[in-house]
Amino acid sequence: MAHDFARKVVCVIGRVVVLPEYRRQGIGTMVEKACEEWAEDLGYSKVIVESRENKVEFYEQMLYEVRGEAVEGDTFRCIRMEKDL
């Protein structure tokens, strides 16, 4: 089994927000997928997001998994979610 020790491990994607008037058009999904592809191209093997509580389902649909309890952020409660690339 070959190992790629130069491979980076974790990329954190943060503060992705779609304005209300542009929601439900697939923009958030496109942006998140583009970020994931870019992270993978750069050699990362895992992506972390800190989701608002009301957006957990969105990330779960993109195969992210909840990791831990909600914590108080600066302006809202966040839930750490992770996805292997």
C-alpha atoms as a PDB file:
ATOM      1  CA  MET A   1       0.000   0.000   0.000  1.00  0.00           C
ATOM      2  CA  ALA A   2       1.456   3.334  -1.067  1.00  0.00           C
ATOM      3  CA  HIS A   3       1.225   6.346   1.213  1.00  0.00           C
ATOM      4  CA  ASP A   4       1.183   9.966   0.128  1.00  0.00           C
ATOM      5  CA  PHE A   5       2.843  11.663   3.097  1.00  0.00           C
ATOM      6  CA  ALA A   6       2.847  15.014   1.291  1.00  0.00           C
ATOM      7  CA  ARG A   7      -0.968  15.010   1.318  1.00  0.00           C
ATOM      8  CA  LYS A   8      -2.451  17.701   3.512  1.00  0.00           C
ATOM      9  CA  VAL A   9      -5.168  16.653   5.911  1.00  0.00           C
ATOM     10  CA  VAL A  10      -7.788  19.271   6.779  1.00  0.00           C
ATOM     11  CA  CYS A  11      -9.246  22.235   4.927  1.00  0.00           C
ATOM     12  CA  VAL A  12     -11.712  24.505   6.751  1.00  0.00           C
ATOM     13  CA  ILE A  13     -14.393  26.176   4.640  1.00  0.00           C
ATOM     14  CA  GLY A  14     -16.022  29.062   6.426  1.00  0.00           C
ATOM     15  CA  ARG A  15     -18.569  31.825   6.143  1.00  0.00           C
ATOM     16  CA  VAL A  16     -20.318  30.631   2.993  1.00  0.00           C
ATOM     17  CA  VAL A  17     -23.641  32.447   2.823  1.00  0.00           C
ATOM     18  CA  VAL A  18     -26.129  32.892   0.001  1.00  0.00           C
ATOM     19  CA  LEU A  19     -28.259  36.028   0.180  1.00  0.00           C
ATOM     20  CA  PRO A  20     -31.954  35.304   0.795  1.00  0.00           C
ATOM     21  CA  GLU A  21     -33.058  36.494  -2.644  1.00  0.00           C
ATOM     22  CA  TYR A  22     -30.711  33.964  -4.307  1.00  0.00           C
ATOM     23  CA  ARG A  23     -31.466  30.909  -2.153  1.00  0.00           C
ATOM     24  CA  ARG A  24     -33.090  27.700  -3.464  1.00  0.00           C
ATOM     25  CA  GLN A  25     -31.311  28.073  -6.820  1.00  0.00           C
ATOM     26  CA  GLY A  26     -28.445  25.635  -6.178  1.00  0.00           C
ATOM     27  CA  ILE A  27     -25.872  28.385  -5.678  1.00  0.00           C
ATOM     28  CA  GLY A  28     -24.779  27.228  -2.214  1.00  0.00           C
ATOM     29  CA  THR A  29     -24.353  23.672  -3.462  1.00  0.00           C
ATOM     30  CA  MET A  30     -22.291  24.844  -6.448  1.00  0.00           C
ATOM     31  CA  VAL A  31     -20.064  26.997  -4.238  1.00  0.00           C
ATOM     32  CA  GLU A  32     -19.540  24.245  -1.671  1.00  0.00           C
ATOM     33  CA  LYS A  33     -18.730  21.649  -4.361  1.00  0.00           C
ATOM     34  CA  ALA A  34     -16.272  24.047  -6.003  1.00  0.00           C
ATOM     35  CA  CYS A  35     -14.567  24.602  -2.632  1.00  0.00           C
ATOM     36  CA  GLU A  36     -14.353  20.835  -2.069  1.00  0.00           C
ATOM     37  CA  GLU A  37     -12.868  20.278  -5.542  1.00  0.00           C
ATOM     38  CA  TRP A  38     -10.340  23.053  -5.000  1.00  0.00           C
ATOM     39  CA  ALA A  39      -9.368  21.620  -1.596  1.00  0.00           C
ATOM     40  CA  GLU A  40      -8.900  18.180  -3.122  1.00  0.00           C
ATOM     41  CA  ASP A  41      -6.820  19.644  -5.978  1.00  0.00           C
ATOM     42  CA  LEU A  42      -4.613  21.293  -3.340  1.00  0.00           C
ATOM     43  CA  GLY A  43      -4.069  17.921  -1.653  1.00  0.00           C
ATOM     44  CA  TYR A  44      -6.468  18.041   1.285  1.00  0.00           C
ATOM     45  CA  SER A  45      -8.211  14.825   2.327  1.00  0.00           C
ATOM     46  CA  LYS A  46     -10.887  16.239   4.669  1.00  0.00           C
ATOM     47  CA  VAL A  47     -13.123  19.304   4.766  1.00  0.00           C
ATOM     48  CA  ILE A  48     -14.558  20.901   7.898  1.00  0.00           C
ATOM     49  CA  VAL A  49     -17.397  23.405   8.080  1.00  0.00           C
ATOM     50  CA  GLU A  50     -18.972  25.040  11.098  1.00  0.00           C
ATOM     51  CA  SER A  51     -22.623  25.061  10.153  1.00  0.00           C
ATOM     52  CA  ARG A  52     -25.440  27.082  11.576  1.00  0.00           C
ATOM     53  CA  GLU A  53     -27.870  24.788  13.375  1.00  0.00           C
ATOM     54  CA  ASN A  54     -30.571  25.438  10.775  1.00  0.00           C
ATOM     55  CA  LYS A  55     -28.250  24.436   7.872  1.00  0.00           C
ATOM     56  CA  VAL A  56     -27.136  21.024   9.149  1.00  0.00           C
ATOM     57  CA  GLU A  57     -29.539  19.230   6.806  1.00  0.00           C
ATOM     58  CA  PHE A  58     -28.042  21.060   3.800  1.00  0.00           C
ATOM     59  CA  TYR A  59     -24.567  19.780   4.667  1.00  0.00           C
ATOM     60  CA  GLU A  60     -25.831  16.296   5.515  1.00  0.00           C
ATOM     61  CA  GLN A  61     -27.280  16.117   1.992  1.00  0.00           C
ATOM     62  CA  MET A  62     -23.734  16.842   0.782  1.00  0.00           C
ATOM     63  CA  LEU A  63     -22.467  13.896   2.895  1.00  0.00           C
ATOM     64  CA  TYR A  64     -21.030  15.893   5.803  1.00  0.00           C
ATOM     65  CA  GLU A  65     -21.300  14.336   9.252  1.00  0.00           C
ATOM     66  CA  VAL A  66     -21.877  16.125  12.563  1.00  0.00           C
ATOM     67  CA  ARG A  67     -18.839  16.012  14.839  1.00  0.00           C
ATOM     68  CA  GLY A  68     -19.633  17.243  18.316  1.00  0.00           C
ATOM     69  CA  GLU A  69     -22.186  19.430  20.008  1.00  0.00           C
ATOM     70  CA  ALA A  70     -23.300  22.908  19.026  1.00  0.00           C
ATOM     71  CA  VAL A  71     -21.126  25.735  20.341  1.00  0.00           C
ATOM     72  CA  GLU A  72     -21.776  29.447  20.639  1.00  0.00           C
ATOM     73  CA  GLY A  73     -20.108  31.370  17.818  1.00  0.00           C
ATOM     74  CA  ASP A  74     -19.718  35.131  17.553  1.00  0.00           C
ATOM     75  CA  THR A  75     -23.185  35.613  16.059  1.00  0.00           C
ATOM     76  CA  PHE A  76     -24.877  32.180  16.032  1.00  0.00           C
ATOM     77  CA  ARG A  77     -24.615  28.606  17.306  1.00  0.00           C
ATOM     78  CA  CYS A  78     -22.282  26.457  15.200  1.00  0.00           C
ATOM     79  CA  ILE A  79     -22.079  22.727  14.658  1.00  0.00           C
ATOM     80  CA  ARG A  80     -18.812  21.234  13.431  1.00  0.00           C
ATOM     81  CA  MET A  81     -19.286  18.974  10.410  1.00  0.00           C
ATOM     82  CA  GLU A  82     -16.706  16.975   8.464  1.00  0.00           C
ATOM     83  CA  LYS A  83     -16.436  15.232   5.110  1.00  0.00           C
ATOM     84  CA  ASP A  84     -13.704  13.016   3.706  1.00  0.00           C
ATOM     85  CA  LEU A  85     -12.696  13.927   0.181  1.00  0.00           C
END
